[in-house]
């Protein structure tokens, strides 16, 4: 009886059954991972539709805004009757219960002092005749300064960009306005030669409260025509442009005076003025700004 029992124990498992071997706790066979359940179509459908609708709306909005932007080609032969900046200033005056003031006389480049033109270009956009509307190097420098200072400053806008803003846009700092400005800048550069862009700019840019254009600016601040502007007077007008309603020769602004001296230095550096002309201009700036008299300038011609 015992031998029979031993034989049964030595026989293998019945056919059709699989014998499972036990494993040690440290060698457990990992269970096959379950495939993730597919998200229901309803869970992804609505967010996808919302994103699609938002993107479509953005495309429609951008296309609509782009189509509304004005054409620059008429400016090739026509001077604008008004500008967005002039209308904005008039509205601000009416809101303050004041009568809008507008002093503006159109002149061609041939009727503007060459020293005044050089001063404005060197002060506002020294690479004006080299770039195609946007000065990428100056833009990079402005962005670097903004990162270091933690705020966006002025300095990256070219003459063409400033013209686009003055003609057609507001003075706000929104990204939408900046995008429109870039599109309009490209349109101006494509439709107009550089000298026409410069002529338009010099005739519409702001030079004080209700003063637009270099002819009105020259008569307002110095009592002379644009053709009669001296290098010093041109440098002072050019130096007003960053803040034309806050800085004027009559204000005695130290910042305006310093900037004007710098402009004269730049004009001398690019051979628009010789040493004698630059010295005389430095002395005239001091005299106009209520500083030292012209004959007291002496060796102190660079400040």
C-alpha atoms as a PDB file:
ATOM      1  CA  UNK A   1       0.000   0.000   0.000  1.00  0.00           C
ATOM      2  CA  UNK A   2       2.744   2.382   0.814  1.00  0.00           C
ATOM      3  CA  UNK A   3       4.658   1.598  -2.383  1.00  0.00           C
ATOM      4  CA  UNK A   4       1.598   2.384  -4.468  1.00  0.00           C
ATOM      5  CA  UNK A   5       1.195   5.673  -2.736  1.00  0.00           C
ATOM      6  CA  UNK A   6       4.816   6.498  -3.492  1.00  0.00           C
ATOM      7  CA  UNK A   7       4.322   5.821  -7.210  1.00  0.00           C
ATOM      8  CA  UNK A   8       1.326   8.106  -7.359  1.00  0.00           C
ATOM      9  CA  UNK A   9       3.308  10.919  -5.750  1.00  0.00           C
ATOM     10  CA  UNK A  10       6.116  10.504  -8.292  1.00  0.00           C
ATOM     11  CA  UNK A  11       3.808  10.777 -11.309  1.00  0.00           C
ATOM     12  CA  UNK A  12       3.516  14.136 -13.043  1.00  0.00           C
ATOM     13  CA  UNK A  13       0.428  16.270 -12.963  1.00  0.00           C
ATOM     14  CA  UNK A  14      -2.602  15.174 -14.920  1.00  0.00           C
ATOM     15  CA  UNK A  15      -2.620  16.195 -18.567  1.00  0.00           C
ATOM     16  CA  UNK A  16      -4.382  19.466 -19.357  1.00  0.00           C
ATOM     17  CA  UNK A  17      -3.270  21.172 -16.136  1.00  0.00           C
ATOM     18  CA  UNK A  18      -0.342  23.526 -15.718  1.00  0.00           C
ATOM     19  CA  UNK A  19       1.670  23.415 -12.595  1.00  0.00           C
ATOM     20  CA  UNK A  20       2.515  26.823 -11.236  1.00  0.00           C
ATOM     21  CA  UNK A  21       5.729  27.235  -9.376  1.00  0.00           C
ATOM     22  CA  UNK A  22       5.949  29.476  -6.382  1.00  0.00           C
ATOM     23  CA  UNK A  23       8.451  32.343  -6.531  1.00  0.00           C
ATOM     24  CA  UNK A  24      10.222  34.079  -3.737  1.00  0.00           C
ATOM     25  CA  UNK A  25       8.916  37.427  -2.608  1.00  0.00           C
ATOM     26  CA  UNK A  26      11.956  39.157  -4.153  1.00  0.00           C
ATOM     27  CA  UNK A  27      11.389  37.690  -7.605  1.00  0.00           C
ATOM     28  CA  UNK A  28       7.749  38.404  -8.196  1.00  0.00           C
ATOM     29  CA  UNK A  29       6.756  38.407 -11.821  1.00  0.00           C
ATOM     30  CA  UNK A  30       5.245  41.823 -12.640  1.00  0.00           C
ATOM     31  CA  UNK A  31       1.666  41.746 -13.643  1.00  0.00           C
ATOM     32  CA  UNK A  32       1.029  42.966 -17.165  1.00  0.00           C
ATOM     33  CA  UNK A  33      -0.040  46.601 -17.097  1.00  0.00           C
ATOM     34  CA  UNK A  34      -3.557  47.300 -18.107  1.00  0.00           C
ATOM     35  CA  UNK A  35      -4.034  49.372 -21.210  1.00  0.00           C
ATOM     36  CA  UNK A  36      -5.329  52.854 -20.309  1.00  0.00           C
ATOM     37  CA  UNK A  37      -8.931  53.364 -20.961  1.00  0.00           C
ATOM     38  CA  UNK A  38      -9.545  55.482 -23.985  1.00  0.00           C
ATOM     39  CA  UNK A  39     -10.958  58.824 -23.033  1.00  0.00           C
ATOM     40  CA  UNK A  40     -14.473  59.231 -24.034  1.00  0.00           C
ATOM     41  CA  UNK A  41     -14.996  61.237 -27.179  1.00  0.00           C
ATOM     42  CA  UNK A  42     -17.070  63.683 -25.216  1.00  0.00           C
ATOM     43  CA  UNK A  43     -14.136  64.513 -22.889  1.00  0.00           C
ATOM     44  CA  UNK A  44     -11.906  65.758 -25.722  1.00  0.00           C
ATOM     45  CA  UNK A  45     -14.529  67.065 -28.099  1.00  0.00           C
ATOM     46  CA  UNK A  46     -15.548  70.243 -26.308  1.00  0.00           C
ATOM     47  CA  UNK A  47     -12.065  71.593 -25.397  1.00  0.00           C
ATOM     48  CA  UNK A  48     -10.961  70.913 -28.959  1.00  0.00           C
ATOM     49  CA  UNK A  49     -13.954  72.725 -30.352  1.00  0.00           C
ATOM     50  CA  UNK A  50     -13.386  75.689 -28.040  1.00  0.00           C
ATOM     51  CA  UNK A  51      -9.721  75.980 -29.041  1.00  0.00           C
ATOM     52  CA  UNK A  52     -10.638  75.688 -32.690  1.00  0.00           C
ATOM     53  CA  UNK A  53     -13.260  78.394 -32.355  1.00  0.00           C
ATOM     54  CA  UNK A  54     -10.819  80.696 -30.561  1.00  0.00           C
ATOM     55  CA  UNK A  55      -8.175  80.185 -33.244  1.00  0.00           C
ATOM     56  CA  UNK A  56     -10.706  80.803 -36.008  1.00  0.00           C
ATOM     57  CA  UNK A  57     -11.906  83.931 -34.250  1.00  0.00           C
ATOM     58  CA  UNK A  58      -8.333  85.176 -33.948  1.00  0.00           C
ATOM     59  CA  UNK A  59      -7.702  84.588 -37.654  1.00  0.00           C
ATOM     60  CA  UNK A  60     -10.910  86.435 -38.571  1.00  0.00           C
ATOM     61  CA  UNK A  61     -10.057  89.326 -36.224  1.00  0.00           C
ATOM     62  CA  UNK A  62      -6.495  89.691 -37.556  1.00  0.00           C
ATOM     63  CA  UNK A  63      -7.719  89.495 -41.149  1.00  0.00           C
ATOM     64  CA  UNK A  64     -10.371  92.125 -40.453  1.00  0.00           C
ATOM     65  CA  UNK A  65      -7.904  94.474 -38.765  1.00  0.00           C
ATOM     66  CA  UNK A  66      -5.365  93.969 -41.558  1.00  0.00           C
ATOM     67  CA  UNK A  67      -7.960  94.748 -44.227  1.00  0.00           C
ATOM     68  CA  UNK A  68      -8.912  97.957 -42.411  1.00  0.00           C
ATOM     69  CA  UNK A  69      -5.365  99.342 -42.391  1.00  0.00           C
ATOM     70  CA  UNK A  70      -4.913 102.263 -44.809  1.00  0.00           C
ATOM     71  CA  UNK A  71      -2.983 102.220 -48.053  1.00  0.00           C
ATOM     72  CA  UNK A  72       0.204 104.288 -48.185  1.00  0.00           C
ATOM     73  CA  UNK A  73       0.357 104.809 -51.956  1.00  0.00           C
ATOM     74  CA  UNK A  74      -1.811 107.979 -52.041  1.00  0.00           C
ATOM     75  CA  UNK A  75       0.830 109.689 -49.885  1.00  0.00           C
ATOM     76  CA  UNK A  76       3.264 109.567 -52.778  1.00  0.00           C
ATOM     77  CA  UNK A  77       1.658 112.693 -54.257  1.00  0.00           C
ATOM     78  CA  UNK A  78      -0.792 113.872 -51.602  1.00  0.00           C
ATOM     79  CA  UNK A  79      -0.185 115.413 -48.204  1.00  0.00           C
ATOM     80  CA  UNK A  80      -2.566 114.194 -45.494  1.00  0.00           C
ATOM     81  CA  UNK A  81      -5.143 116.752 -44.409  1.00  0.00           C
ATOM     82  CA  UNK A  82      -4.858 115.610 -40.811  1.00  0.00           C
ATOM     83  CA  UNK A  83      -3.322 112.804 -38.760  1.00  0.00           C
ATOM     84  CA  UNK A  84      -4.400 110.494 -35.982  1.00  0.00           C
ATOM     85  CA  UNK A  85      -2.130 112.362 -33.562  1.00  0.00           C
ATOM     86  CA  UNK A  86      -3.576 115.766 -34.486  1.00  0.00           C
ATOM     87  CA  UNK A  87      -7.105 114.434 -33.995  1.00  0.00           C
ATOM     88  CA  UNK A  88      -6.155 112.809 -30.680  1.00  0.00           C
ATOM     89  CA  UNK A  89      -4.678 116.065 -29.356  1.00  0.00           C
ATOM     90  CA  UNK A  90      -7.781 117.972 -30.463  1.00  0.00           C
ATOM     91  CA  UNK A  91     -10.013 115.508 -28.650  1.00  0.00           C
ATOM     92  CA  UNK A  92      -7.870 115.773 -25.508  1.00  0.00           C
ATOM     93  CA  UNK A  93      -8.172 119.565 -25.632  1.00  0.00           C
ATOM     94  CA  UNK A  94     -11.955 119.437 -26.026  1.00  0.00           C
ATOM     95  CA  UNK A  95     -12.181 116.977 -23.133  1.00  0.00           C
ATOM     96  CA  UNK A  96     -10.345 119.540 -21.002  1.00  0.00           C
ATOM     97  CA  UNK A  97     -12.742 122.297 -22.147  1.00  0.00           C
ATOM     98  CA  UNK A  98      -9.984 123.924 -24.186  1.00  0.00           C
ATOM     99  CA  UNK A  99      -9.917 125.056 -27.781  1.00  0.00           C
ATOM    100  CA  UNK A 100      -7.753 122.751 -29.927  1.00  0.00           C
ATOM    101  CA  UNK A 101      -4.619 124.460 -31.186  1.00  0.00           C
ATOM    102  CA  UNK A 102      -3.040 123.637 -34.534  1.00  0.00           C
ATOM    103  CA  UNK A 103      -0.029 125.325 -36.074  1.00  0.00           C
ATOM    104  CA  UNK A 104       1.179 123.593 -39.236  1.00  0.00           C
ATOM    105  CA  UNK A 105       2.675 124.723 -42.550  1.00  0.00           C
ATOM    106  CA  UNK A 106       3.822 122.203 -45.136  1.00  0.00           C
ATOM    107  CA  UNK A 107       7.280 122.649 -46.674  1.00  0.00           C
ATOM    108  CA  UNK A 108       9.447 120.519 -48.937  1.00  0.00           C
ATOM    109  CA  UNK A 109      12.853 119.210 -47.955  1.00  0.00           C
ATOM    110  CA  UNK A 110      14.469 121.872 -50.135  1.00  0.00           C
ATOM    111  CA  UNK A 111      12.944 124.476 -47.799  1.00  0.00           C
ATOM    112  CA  UNK A 112      14.404 122.961 -44.643  1.00  0.00           C
ATOM    113  CA  UNK A 113      17.898 123.673 -43.355  1.00  0.00           C
ATOM    114  CA  UNK A 114      20.208 120.782 -44.212  1.00  0.00           C
ATOM    115  CA  UNK A 115      21.670 121.032 -40.701  1.00  0.00           C
ATOM    116  CA  UNK A 116      18.205 120.641 -39.169  1.00  0.00           C
ATOM    117  CA  UNK A 117      17.494 117.595 -41.340  1.00  0.00           C
ATOM    118  CA  UNK A 118      20.816 116.021 -40.347  1.00  0.00           C
ATOM    119  CA  UNK A 119      20.135 116.738 -36.668  1.00  0.00           C
ATOM    120  CA  UNK A 120      16.733 115.049 -36.761  1.00  0.00           C
ATOM    121  CA  UNK A 121      17.969 111.976 -38.636  1.00  0.00           C
ATOM    122  CA  UNK A 122      21.018 111.515 -36.407  1.00  0.00           C
ATOM    123  CA  UNK A 123      18.958 112.001 -33.265  1.00  0.00           C
ATOM    124  CA  UNK A 124      15.965 109.841 -34.149  1.00  0.00           C
ATOM    125  CA  UNK A 125      17.157 107.242 -36.656  1.00  0.00           C
ATOM    126  CA  UNK A 126      20.811 107.363 -37.720  1.00  0.00           C
ATOM    127  CA  UNK A 127      20.377 104.313 -39.982  1.00  0.00           C
ATOM    128  CA  UNK A 128      17.265 105.694 -41.688  1.00  0.00           C
ATOM    129  CA  UNK A 129      18.670 105.495 -45.216  1.00  0.00           C
ATOM    130  CA  UNK A 130      20.073 101.989 -44.646  1.00  0.00           C
ATOM    131  CA  UNK A 131      17.222  99.930 -43.196  1.00  0.00           C
ATOM    132  CA  UNK A 132      13.811  99.025 -44.633  1.00  0.00           C
ATOM    133  CA  UNK A 133      11.652 100.505 -41.924  1.00  0.00           C
ATOM    134  CA  UNK A 134      12.767  98.566 -38.855  1.00  0.00           C
ATOM    135  CA  UNK A 135      16.251  98.893 -37.407  1.00  0.00           C
ATOM    136  CA  UNK A 136      16.819  95.385 -36.069  1.00  0.00           C
ATOM    137  CA  UNK A 137      20.070  96.318 -34.308  1.00  0.00           C
ATOM    138  CA  UNK A 138      18.449  99.184 -32.426  1.00  0.00           C
ATOM    139  CA  UNK A 139      15.499  96.939 -31.630  1.00  0.00           C
ATOM    140  CA  UNK A 140      17.817  94.353 -30.068  1.00  0.00           C
ATOM    141  CA  UNK A 141      19.572  97.067 -28.056  1.00  0.00           C
ATOM    142  CA  UNK A 142      16.243  98.436 -26.844  1.00  0.00           C
ATOM    143  CA  UNK A 143      15.103  94.967 -25.774  1.00  0.00           C
ATOM    144  CA  UNK A 144      18.371  94.406 -23.909  1.00  0.00           C
ATOM    145  CA  UNK A 145      17.923  97.727 -22.106  1.00  0.00           C
ATOM    146  CA  UNK A 146      14.320  96.862 -21.286  1.00  0.00           C
ATOM    147  CA  UNK A 147      15.380  93.534 -19.777  1.00  0.00           C
ATOM    148  CA  UNK A 148      18.094  95.186 -17.670  1.00  0.00           C
ATOM    149  CA  UNK A 149      15.866  98.025 -16.486  1.00  0.00           C
ATOM    150  CA  UNK A 150      12.732  95.938 -16.132  1.00  0.00           C
ATOM    151  CA  UNK A 151      10.637  98.260 -18.307  1.00  0.00           C
ATOM    152  CA  UNK A 152      10.133  99.085 -21.963  1.00  0.00           C
ATOM    153  CA  UNK A 153      11.764 102.356 -22.939  1.00  0.00           C
ATOM    154  CA  UNK A 154      11.901 104.453 -26.065  1.00  0.00           C
ATOM    155  CA  UNK A 155      14.523 104.232 -28.767  1.00  0.00           C
ATOM    156  CA  UNK A 156      13.686 101.308 -31.043  1.00  0.00           C
ATOM    157  CA  UNK A 157      11.161 103.121 -33.265  1.00  0.00           C
ATOM    158  CA  UNK A 158      12.513 104.321 -36.592  1.00  0.00           C
ATOM    159  CA  UNK A 159      11.410 107.474 -38.399  1.00  0.00           C
ATOM    160  CA  UNK A 160       9.135 105.354 -40.606  1.00  0.00           C
ATOM    161  CA  UNK A 161       7.558 103.667 -37.577  1.00  0.00           C
ATOM    162  CA  UNK A 162       6.989 107.034 -35.903  1.00  0.00           C
ATOM    163  CA  UNK A 163       5.406 108.337 -39.108  1.00  0.00           C
ATOM    164  CA  UNK A 164       3.052 105.338 -39.286  1.00  0.00           C
ATOM    165  CA  UNK A 165       1.993 105.908 -35.689  1.00  0.00           C
ATOM    166  CA  UNK A 166       1.500 109.663 -36.116  1.00  0.00           C
ATOM    167  CA  UNK A 167      -0.485 109.305 -39.341  1.00  0.00           C
ATOM    168  CA  UNK A 168      -2.838 106.483 -38.475  1.00  0.00           C
ATOM    169  CA  UNK A 169      -2.551 105.122 -34.926  1.00  0.00           C
ATOM    170  CA  UNK A 170      -3.014 106.103 -31.316  1.00  0.00           C
ATOM    171  CA  UNK A 171      -0.258 106.721 -28.788  1.00  0.00           C
ATOM    172  CA  UNK A 172      -1.076 103.708 -26.614  1.00  0.00           C
ATOM    173  CA  UNK A 173       1.493 100.951 -26.059  1.00  0.00           C
ATOM    174  CA  UNK A 174      -0.639  97.881 -26.764  1.00  0.00           C
ATOM    175  CA  UNK A 175       0.712  94.903 -28.681  1.00  0.00           C
ATOM    176  CA  UNK A 176      -2.097  95.255 -31.234  1.00  0.00           C
ATOM    177  CA  UNK A 177      -1.085  98.851 -31.942  1.00  0.00           C
ATOM    178  CA  UNK A 178       2.550  97.804 -32.299  1.00  0.00           C
ATOM    179  CA  UNK A 179       1.589  95.034 -34.717  1.00  0.00           C
ATOM    180  CA  UNK A 180      -0.401  97.499 -36.826  1.00  0.00           C
ATOM    181  CA  UNK A 181       2.535  99.899 -36.744  1.00  0.00           C
ATOM    182  CA  UNK A 182       4.878  97.262 -38.169  1.00  0.00           C
ATOM    183  CA  UNK A 183       2.451  96.436 -40.997  1.00  0.00           C
ATOM    184  CA  UNK A 184       1.974 100.111 -41.849  1.00  0.00           C
ATOM    185  CA  UNK A 185       5.723 100.713 -41.648  1.00  0.00           C
ATOM    186  CA  UNK A 186       6.238  98.057 -44.277  1.00  0.00           C
ATOM    187  CA  UNK A 187       3.541  99.617 -46.465  1.00  0.00           C
ATOM    188  CA  UNK A 188       5.180 103.046 -46.231  1.00  0.00           C
ATOM    189  CA  UNK A 189       8.602 101.693 -47.118  1.00  0.00           C
ATOM    190  CA  UNK A 190       7.201  99.737 -50.047  1.00  0.00           C
ATOM    191  CA  UNK A 191       5.130 102.593 -51.479  1.00  0.00           C
ATOM    192  CA  UNK A 192       7.332 105.653 -50.880  1.00  0.00           C
ATOM    193  CA  UNK A 193      10.972 106.630 -51.429  1.00  0.00           C
ATOM    194  CA  UNK A 194      13.013 107.535 -48.362  1.00  0.00           C
ATOM    195  CA  UNK A 195      13.034 111.264 -49.053  1.00  0.00           C
ATOM    196  CA  UNK A 196       9.237 111.316 -49.260  1.00  0.00           C
ATOM    197  CA  UNK A 197       8.964 109.450 -45.955  1.00  0.00           C
ATOM    198  CA  UNK A 198      11.342 111.950 -44.373  1.00  0.00           C
ATOM    199  CA  UNK A 199       9.431 114.916 -45.811  1.00  0.00           C
ATOM    200  CA  UNK A 200       6.142 113.579 -44.448  1.00  0.00           C
ATOM    201  CA  UNK A 201       7.682 112.937 -41.040  1.00  0.00           C
ATOM    202  CA  UNK A 202       9.173 116.430 -40.756  1.00  0.00           C
ATOM    203  CA  UNK A 203       5.779 117.967 -41.595  1.00  0.00           C
ATOM    204  CA  UNK A 204       3.553 115.998 -39.211  1.00  0.00           C
ATOM    205  CA  UNK A 205       5.720 115.292 -36.177  1.00  0.00           C
ATOM    206  CA  UNK A 206       4.774 117.118 -32.964  1.00  0.00           C
ATOM    207  CA  UNK A 207       6.954 120.042 -31.809  1.00  0.00           C
ATOM    208  CA  UNK A 208       5.006 121.414 -28.869  1.00  0.00           C
ATOM    209  CA  UNK A 209       1.429 121.991 -27.816  1.00  0.00           C
ATOM    210  CA  UNK A 210      -0.544 122.218 -31.061  1.00  0.00           C
ATOM    211  CA  UNK A 211       2.633 122.620 -33.127  1.00  0.00           C
ATOM    212  CA  UNK A 212       3.096 120.183 -36.003  1.00  0.00           C
ATOM    213  CA  UNK A 213       5.880 120.109 -38.534  1.00  0.00           C
ATOM    214  CA  UNK A 214       9.319 121.674 -38.669  1.00  0.00           C
ATOM    215  CA  UNK A 215       8.184 124.961 -40.240  1.00  0.00           C
ATOM    216  CA  UNK A 216       5.725 125.609 -37.418  1.00  0.00           C
ATOM    217  CA  UNK A 217       8.289 124.365 -34.890  1.00  0.00           C
ATOM    218  CA  UNK A 218      10.987 126.720 -36.161  1.00  0.00           C
ATOM    219  CA  UNK A 219       8.647 129.730 -36.027  1.00  0.00           C
ATOM    220  CA  UNK A 220       7.151 128.740 -32.658  1.00  0.00           C
ATOM    221  CA  UNK A 221      10.450 128.310 -30.816  1.00  0.00           C
ATOM    222  CA  UNK A 222      12.925 130.520 -32.695  1.00  0.00           C
ATOM    223  CA  UNK A 223      10.910 132.921 -34.828  1.00  0.00           C
ATOM    224  CA  UNK A 224      12.594 131.828 -38.069  1.00  0.00           C
ATOM    225  CA  UNK A 225      11.613 129.660 -41.030  1.00  0.00           C
ATOM    226  CA  UNK A 226      12.723 126.039 -41.323  1.00  0.00           C
ATOM    227  CA  UNK A 227      15.149 127.088 -44.048  1.00  0.00           C
ATOM    228  CA  UNK A 228      16.854 129.533 -41.671  1.00  0.00           C
ATOM    229  CA  UNK A 229      17.459 127.125 -38.776  1.00  0.00           C
ATOM    230  CA  UNK A 230      21.029 127.107 -37.488  1.00  0.00           C
ATOM    231  CA  UNK A 231      22.793 123.868 -36.480  1.00  0.00           C
ATOM    232  CA  UNK A 232      22.137 124.663 -32.811  1.00  0.00           C
ATOM    233  CA  UNK A 233      18.453 125.402 -33.409  1.00  0.00           C
ATOM    234  CA  UNK A 234      18.112 122.236 -35.472  1.00  0.00           C
ATOM    235  CA  UNK A 235      19.780 120.230 -32.705  1.00  0.00           C
ATOM    236  CA  UNK A 236      17.394 121.658 -30.109  1.00  0.00           C
ATOM    237  CA  UNK A 237      14.339 120.851 -32.240  1.00  0.00           C
ATOM    238  CA  UNK A 238      15.629 117.328 -32.845  1.00  0.00           C
ATOM    239  CA  UNK A 239      16.242 116.900 -29.107  1.00  0.00           C
ATOM    240  CA  UNK A 240      12.651 117.890 -28.315  1.00  0.00           C
ATOM    241  CA  UNK A 241      11.167 114.946 -30.208  1.00  0.00           C
ATOM    242  CA  UNK A 242      11.227 112.361 -27.396  1.00  0.00           C
ATOM    243  CA  UNK A 243       9.024 114.685 -25.287  1.00  0.00           C
ATOM    244  CA  UNK A 244       7.933 117.668 -27.420  1.00  0.00           C
ATOM    245  CA  UNK A 245       5.233 118.928 -25.070  1.00  0.00           C
ATOM    246  CA  UNK A 246       7.391 118.769 -21.936  1.00  0.00           C
ATOM    247  CA  UNK A 247      10.735 120.000 -23.258  1.00  0.00           C
ATOM    248  CA  UNK A 248      11.247 123.252 -25.148  1.00  0.00           C
ATOM    249  CA  UNK A 249      14.059 125.790 -25.409  1.00  0.00           C
ATOM    250  CA  UNK A 250      12.009 128.159 -23.249  1.00  0.00           C
ATOM    251  CA  UNK A 251      11.706 125.572 -20.474  1.00  0.00           C
ATOM    252  CA  UNK A 252      15.445 125.520 -19.777  1.00  0.00           C
ATOM    253  CA  UNK A 253      15.303 121.727 -19.563  1.00  0.00           C
ATOM    254  CA  UNK A 254      18.737 120.318 -18.610  1.00  0.00           C
ATOM    255  CA  UNK A 255      17.873 117.081 -20.435  1.00  0.00           C
ATOM    256  CA  UNK A 256      17.072 119.019 -23.624  1.00  0.00           C
ATOM    257  CA  UNK A 257      20.305 120.975 -23.388  1.00  0.00           C
ATOM    258  CA  UNK A 258      22.389 117.855 -22.811  1.00  0.00           C
ATOM    259  CA  UNK A 259      20.744 116.058 -25.713  1.00  0.00           C
ATOM    260  CA  UNK A 260      21.280 119.006 -28.048  1.00  0.00           C
ATOM    261  CA  UNK A 261      24.997 119.077 -27.246  1.00  0.00           C
ATOM    262  CA  UNK A 262      25.139 115.342 -27.961  1.00  0.00           C
ATOM    263  CA  UNK A 263      23.441 115.864 -31.338  1.00  0.00           C
ATOM    264  CA  UNK A 264      26.056 118.462 -32.290  1.00  0.00           C
ATOM    265  CA  UNK A 265      28.774 115.980 -31.355  1.00  0.00           C
ATOM    266  CA  UNK A 266      27.176 113.378 -33.619  1.00  0.00           C
ATOM    267  CA  UNK A 267      26.954 115.871 -36.483  1.00  0.00           C
ATOM    268  CA  UNK A 268      30.627 116.685 -36.090  1.00  0.00           C
ATOM    269  CA  UNK A 269      31.465 112.974 -35.876  1.00  0.00           C
ATOM    270  CA  UNK A 270      29.904 112.273 -39.281  1.00  0.00           C
ATOM    271  CA  UNK A 271      31.427 115.398 -40.860  1.00  0.00           C
ATOM    272  CA  UNK A 272      28.189 117.364 -41.124  1.00  0.00           C
ATOM    273  CA  UNK A 273      29.897 120.085 -39.101  1.00  0.00           C
ATOM    274  CA  UNK A 274      33.551 121.005 -38.886  1.00  0.00           C
ATOM    275  CA  UNK A 275      35.224 121.815 -35.575  1.00  0.00           C
ATOM    276  CA  UNK A 276      34.595 125.556 -35.858  1.00  0.00           C
ATOM    277  CA  UNK A 277      30.915 125.097 -36.717  1.00  0.00           C
ATOM    278  CA  UNK A 278      30.476 122.623 -33.874  1.00  0.00           C
ATOM    279  CA  UNK A 279      32.078 124.983 -31.363  1.00  0.00           C
ATOM    280  CA  UNK A 280      29.786 127.790 -32.467  1.00  0.00           C
ATOM    281  CA  UNK A 281      26.753 125.496 -32.202  1.00  0.00           C
ATOM    282  CA  UNK A 282      27.678 124.415 -28.663  1.00  0.00           C
ATOM    283  CA  UNK A 283      27.999 128.052 -27.636  1.00  0.00           C
ATOM    284  CA  UNK A 284      24.660 128.961 -29.237  1.00  0.00           C
ATOM    285  CA  UNK A 285      22.916 126.117 -27.426  1.00  0.00           C
ATOM    286  CA  UNK A 286      24.198 127.442 -24.102  1.00  0.00           C
ATOM    287  CA  UNK A 287      23.021 130.939 -25.008  1.00  0.00           C
ATOM    288  CA  UNK A 288      19.572 129.778 -26.169  1.00  0.00           C
ATOM    289  CA  UNK A 289      19.082 127.644 -23.083  1.00  0.00           C
ATOM    290  CA  UNK A 290      19.938 130.478 -20.705  1.00  0.00           C
ATOM    291  CA  UNK A 291      23.383 129.161 -19.831  1.00  0.00           C
ATOM    292  CA  UNK A 292      26.710 130.698 -20.588  1.00  0.00           C
ATOM    293  CA  UNK A 293      26.908 133.435 -23.184  1.00  0.00           C
ATOM    294  CA  UNK A 294      28.283 132.502 -26.569  1.00  0.00           C
ATOM    295  CA  UNK A 295      31.545 134.362 -26.020  1.00  0.00           C
ATOM    296  CA  UNK A 296      32.081 132.529 -22.714  1.00  0.00           C
ATOM    297  CA  UNK A 297      32.138 129.066 -24.263  1.00  0.00           C
ATOM    298  CA  UNK A 298      35.890 129.038 -24.646  1.00  0.00           C
ATOM    299  CA  UNK A 299      37.386 125.564 -24.522  1.00  0.00           C
ATOM    300  CA  UNK A 300      34.256 124.115 -22.981  1.00  0.00           C
ATOM    301  CA  UNK A 301      32.756 123.258 -26.362  1.00  0.00           C
ATOM    302  CA  UNK A 302      31.992 119.590 -25.576  1.00  0.00           C
ATOM    303  CA  UNK A 303      29.746 118.884 -22.619  1.00  0.00           C
END
